Amino acid sequence: MGKLEGKVAVITGGSSGMALASAKLFVEEGAYVFITGRKQEQLDEAVKLIGRNVTGVRGDAANLDDLDRLFDTVKREKGKIDVLFASAGQGEAAPLGEITEQHFDAAFNVNARGTLFTVQKALPLLNDGASIIMTGSNASVKGFPGWGVYAASKAALRSFARTWLNELKGRKIRVNLLVPGAIATPMQEEVLTKEAKAMFESLIPRGKMGQSEEVATVALFLASDDSSFVNGAELFVDGGMTAI
């Protein structure tokens, strides 16, 4: 029997990268998974890759109407959520002095606002004892030049986790933050130059990027009963980058 046998999971941003690897692993461990993505073609490809026990719902985590459509679909098809993985996010470098309103709004609308309303709108469907996972970033504690806005938007999630676990303790709902470092994903390919990738790899003790599948195994831990006594944690999955 899988670690998530009979569970229902919702993963935002699940059409690529770490979230897609997590969705695939969750299904392999017995869950039924709902994934979201902004691009229909990419979402369809993700559903095909996962292969079974999955529903794709196109939507933007920063759009409240899209979130309503997502959770209406979950309610209609399954009626409950056991694992909510709020993983949708985005980031782009801009150093102080070059930050625009558009840059700030893009990061905070998805990473902070989108995560907040994803969790809030899911509450009526969450089972008592459910697991909420949010995707943070080790940028929020490392101070990488150029990544201040992105880091701040992710740091907000740490505060959310600490408050929400207290507000939800009567329902025994756990809230944890999965904190990746430099992971080889399609989004990383879009935002990092070759030089930036080399710089980040030089900060990792093993000398190379993490893989999405390495993050997915940690997401499975936080989603399953294996982490039943883990609550309010920031679990760093960055190869030791934050520790040195």
Protein backbone atom coordinates (compact mmCIF):
# COMPACT_ATOMS: atom_id res chain seq x y z
CA MET A 1 0.00 0.00 0.00
CA GLY A 2 1.28 3.46 -0.94
CA LYS A 3 1.97 6.22 1.55
CA LEU A 4 -0.97 8.27 0.18
CA GLU A 5 -3.41 5.44 -0.55
CA GLY A 6 -6.93 6.84 -0.94
CA LYS A 7 -5.85 10.44 -0.39
CA VAL A 8 -6.85 13.41 -2.52
CA ALA A 9 -4.15 15.98 -3.26
CA VAL A 10 -4.28 19.37 -4.95
CA ILE A 11 -1.04 20.77 -6.37
CA THR A 12 -0.97 24.25 -7.88
CA GLY A 13 1.64 24.91 -10.53
CA GLY A 14 1.72 21.17 -11.07
CA SER A 15 2.28 21.19 -14.81
CA SER A 16 6.08 21.40 -14.64
CA GLY A 17 9.20 21.13 -12.52
CA MET A 18 9.17 20.15 -8.86
CA ALA A 19 5.38 20.24 -8.56
CA LEU A 20 4.91 17.94 -11.54
CA ALA A 21 7.47 15.48 -10.15
CA SER A 22 5.59 15.60 -6.84
CA ALA A 23 2.23 15.00 -8.53
CA LYS A 24 3.63 11.99 -10.36
CA LEU A 25 5.07 10.54 -7.15
CA PHE A 26 1.87 11.19 -5.19
CA VAL A 27 -0.11 9.20 -7.75
CA GLU A 28 2.43 6.39 -7.62
CA GLU A 29 1.89 6.34 -3.84
CA GLY A 30 -1.88 5.95 -4.18
CA ALA A 31 -3.27 9.49 -4.29
CA TYR A 32 -5.72 11.07 -6.71
CA VAL A 33 -4.21 14.40 -7.75
CA PHE A 34 -5.58 17.65 -9.14
CA ILE A 35 -2.95 19.83 -10.79
CA THR A 36 -3.10 23.35 -12.17
CA GLY A 37 -1.12 25.25 -14.76
CA ARG A 38 -1.57 28.43 -16.77
CA LYS A 39 -0.88 26.90 -20.20
CA GLN A 40 -3.37 24.32 -21.43
CA GLU A 41 -0.94 22.52 -23.73
CA GLN A 42 1.62 22.11 -20.96
CA LEU A 43 -1.10 21.01 -18.54
CA ASP A 44 -2.34 18.39 -21.00
CA GLU A 45 1.21 17.06 -21.40
CA ALA A 46 1.57 16.82 -17.62
CA VAL A 47 -1.68 14.89 -17.28
CA LYS A 48 -0.51 12.52 -20.01
CA LEU A 49 2.84 12.04 -18.27
CA ILE A 50 1.21 11.23 -14.93
CA GLY A 51 -1.07 8.86 -16.77
CA ARG A 52 -3.82 8.03 -14.27
CA ASN A 53 -5.69 9.30 -11.23
CA VAL A 54 -5.18 12.93 -12.21
CA THR A 55 -7.30 15.89 -13.25
CA GLY A 56 -5.79 19.00 -14.82
CA VAL A 57 -7.51 22.34 -14.26
CA ARG A 58 -6.15 25.30 -16.19
CA GLY A 59 -5.72 28.38 -14.04
CA ASP A 60 -3.52 31.04 -12.51
CA ALA A 61 -3.02 30.84 -8.73
CA ALA A 62 -3.15 34.64 -8.56
CA ASN A 63 -6.61 34.71 -10.17
CA LEU A 64 -9.38 34.19 -7.61
CA ASP A 65 -11.93 33.13 -10.22
CA ASP A 66 -9.52 30.45 -11.43
CA LEU A 67 -9.09 29.24 -7.84
CA ASP A 68 -12.86 29.06 -7.44
CA ARG A 69 -13.08 26.95 -10.59
CA LEU A 70 -10.33 24.66 -9.29
CA PHE A 71 -11.99 23.99 -5.97
CA ASP A 72 -15.44 23.67 -7.53
CA THR A 73 -13.96 20.91 -9.69
CA VAL A 74 -12.39 19.20 -6.67
CA LYS A 75 -15.65 19.43 -4.73
CA ARG A 76 -17.66 18.00 -7.62
CA GLU A 77 -15.27 15.12 -8.38
CA LYS A 78 -13.92 14.12 -4.96
CA GLY A 79 -15.53 16.29 -2.28
CA LYS A 80 -12.44 16.52 -0.05
CA ILE A 81 -8.75 17.39 0.12
CA ASP A 82 -6.19 15.54 2.24
CA VAL A 83 -3.07 17.25 0.89
CA LEU A 84 -2.84 20.80 -0.39
CA PHE A 85 0.49 21.65 -2.03
CA ALA A 86 0.50 25.37 -2.87
CA SER A 87 3.48 25.30 -5.19
CA ALA A 88 2.67 27.84 -7.90
CA GLY A 89 5.28 30.57 -7.97
CA GLN A 90 7.47 32.77 -10.11
CA GLY A 91 10.56 34.89 -9.82
CA GLU A 92 12.83 37.14 -11.82
CA ALA A 93 15.96 39.00 -10.82
CA ALA A 94 15.97 42.79 -10.44
CA PRO A 95 18.47 44.63 -8.23
CA LEU A 96 17.56 47.53 -5.98
CA GLY A 97 17.41 50.62 -8.16
CA GLU A 98 15.85 48.77 -11.08
CA ILE A 99 12.75 47.31 -9.41
CA THR A 100 9.45 48.33 -11.03
CA GLU A 101 5.89 48.15 -9.76
CA GLN A 102 5.21 45.46 -12.34
CA HIS A 103 8.13 43.36 -11.08
CA PHE A 104 6.98 43.68 -7.47
CA ASP A 105 3.34 42.94 -8.25
CA ALA A 106 4.16 39.89 -10.40
CA ALA A 107 6.13 38.24 -7.59
CA PHE A 108 3.80 39.05 -4.72
CA ASN A 109 0.58 38.36 -6.66
CA VAL A 110 1.56 34.74 -7.30
CA ASN A 111 3.92 33.85 -4.47
CA ALA A 112 2.22 35.55 -1.52
CA ARG A 113 -1.31 36.54 -2.55
CA GLY A 114 -1.85 33.43 -4.66
CA THR A 115 -0.68 31.11 -1.89
CA LEU A 116 -2.84 32.86 0.69
CA PHE A 117 -6.03 32.56 -1.32
CA THR A 118 -5.23 29.03 -2.49
CA VAL A 119 -5.16 27.92 1.14
CA GLN A 120 -8.12 30.02 2.23
CA LYS A 121 -10.37 28.83 -0.59
CA ALA A 122 -9.39 25.20 0.07
CA LEU A 123 -10.34 25.32 3.76
CA PRO A 124 -13.95 24.11 3.39
CA LEU A 125 -12.72 20.99 1.56
CA LEU A 126 -9.74 20.18 3.77
CA ASN A 127 -10.22 17.14 5.97
CA ASP A 128 -9.30 17.35 9.62
CA GLY A 129 -5.73 16.12 9.88
CA ALA A 130 -4.87 17.34 6.38
CA SER A 131 -1.41 18.47 5.34
CA ILE A 132 -0.75 21.90 3.82
CA ILE A 133 2.60 22.34 2.07
CA MET A 134 3.89 25.60 0.62
CA THR A 135 6.93 26.05 -1.62
CA GLY A 136 9.37 28.58 -0.22
CA SER A 137 12.89 29.39 -1.39
CA ASN A 138 16.26 29.50 0.29
CA ALA A 139 16.63 32.93 -1.33
CA SER A 140 14.46 34.18 1.54
CA VAL A 141 17.31 33.58 4.00
CA LYS A 142 20.43 33.90 1.82
CA GLY A 143 20.25 37.45 0.46
CA PHE A 144 21.25 36.72 -3.15
CA PRO A 145 21.87 40.03 -4.98
CA GLY A 146 19.06 40.88 -7.39
CA TRP A 147 16.54 38.54 -5.80
CA GLY A 148 15.24 40.79 -3.00
CA VAL A 149 11.62 41.03 -4.17
CA TYR A 150 11.35 37.31 -4.91
CA ALA A 151 12.95 36.50 -1.56
CA ALA A 152 10.57 38.79 0.32
CA SER A 153 7.54 37.25 -1.37
CA LYS A 154 8.72 33.80 -0.29
CA ALA A 155 9.59 34.94 3.23
CA ALA A 156 5.93 35.84 3.70
CA LEU A 157 5.09 32.14 3.47
CA ARG A 158 7.16 31.40 6.56
CA SER A 159 4.98 33.82 8.49
CA PHE A 160 1.81 32.32 7.02
CA ALA A 161 2.84 28.82 8.14
CA ARG A 162 3.48 29.87 11.72
CA THR A 163 0.18 31.69 12.02
CA TRP A 164 -1.98 29.18 10.19
CA LEU A 165 -0.84 26.12 12.12
CA ASN A 166 -1.98 27.91 15.27
CA GLU A 167 -5.29 28.93 13.72
CA LEU A 168 -5.89 25.39 12.40
CA LYS A 169 -4.69 23.39 15.40
CA GLY A 170 -8.27 22.59 16.41
CA ARG A 171 -8.60 20.67 13.14
CA LYS A 172 -5.14 19.07 13.47
CA ILE A 173 -4.14 20.44 10.08
CA ARG A 174 -0.38 20.67 9.65
CA VAL A 175 1.27 23.52 7.75
CA ASN A 176 4.85 23.21 6.55
CA LEU A 177 7.18 25.01 4.20
CA LEU A 178 9.24 23.05 1.68
CA VAL A 179 12.27 25.22 0.88
CA PRO A 180 14.18 24.28 -2.28
CA GLY A 181 17.48 25.76 -3.31
CA ALA A 182 18.91 25.66 -6.81
CA ILE A 183 16.87 23.02 -8.65
CA ALA A 184 17.11 22.29 -12.39
CA THR A 185 13.60 23.16 -13.60
CA PRO A 186 12.08 24.71 -16.73
CA MET A 187 11.47 27.96 -14.82
CA GLN A 188 15.12 28.09 -13.83
CA GLU A 189 16.07 27.73 -17.49
CA GLU A 190 13.99 30.81 -18.26
CA VAL A 191 15.32 33.13 -15.55
CA LEU A 192 18.97 32.17 -15.00
CA THR A 193 21.88 32.90 -17.29
CA LYS A 194 24.64 30.35 -17.79
CA GLU A 195 26.84 32.42 -15.48
CA ALA A 196 24.17 32.56 -12.78
CA LYS A 197 23.71 28.79 -12.90
CA ALA A 198 27.45 28.30 -12.48
CA MET A 199 27.47 30.70 -9.54
CA PHE A 200 24.65 28.85 -7.77
CA GLU A 201 26.25 25.47 -8.42
CA SER A 202 29.49 26.74 -6.87
CA LEU A 203 27.55 27.30 -3.61
CA ILE A 204 26.28 23.70 -3.41
CA PRO A 205 28.63 21.29 -1.62
CA ARG A 206 28.15 18.52 -4.20
CA GLY A 207 28.76 21.00 -7.02
CA LYS A 208 25.61 20.46 -9.06
CA MET A 209 21.96 21.43 -9.06
CA GLY A 210 19.23 19.46 -7.38
CA GLN A 211 16.66 17.56 -9.43
CA SER A 212 12.89 17.89 -9.24
CA GLU A 213 12.58 14.27 -8.17
CA GLU A 214 14.78 14.97 -5.14
CA VAL A 215 12.32 17.64 -4.03
CA ALA A 216 9.33 15.40 -4.73
CA THR A 217 10.47 12.80 -2.21
CA VAL A 218 10.50 15.48 0.49
CA ALA A 219 7.06 16.69 -0.58
CA LEU A 220 5.84 13.10 -0.19
CA PHE A 221 7.28 13.00 3.34
CA LEU A 222 5.41 16.20 4.28
CA ALA A 223 2.21 14.97 2.64
CA SER A 224 2.20 11.58 4.35
CA ASP A 225 1.82 10.32 7.90
CA ASP A 226 5.61 9.91 8.02
CA SER A 227 5.69 13.59 9.01
CA SER A 228 2.81 13.41 11.51
CA PHE A 229 4.85 15.26 14.17
CA VAL A 230 6.27 17.86 11.77
CA ASN A 231 4.39 21.15 11.91
CA GLY A 232 5.48 24.70 11.17
CA ALA A 233 8.80 23.51 9.79
CA GLU A 234 10.97 25.03 7.09
CA LEU A 235 12.44 21.95 5.48
CA PHE A 236 15.42 22.97 3.36
CA VAL A 237 16.06 20.90 0.24
CA ASP A 238 19.07 22.69 -1.13
CA GLY A 239 22.02 20.33 -0.88
CA GLY A 240 23.45 22.23 2.07
CA MET A 241 23.62 25.64 0.37
CA THR A 242 21.88 27.38 3.26
CA ALA A 243 24.04 25.70 5.88
CA ILE A 244 27.36 27.10 4.64
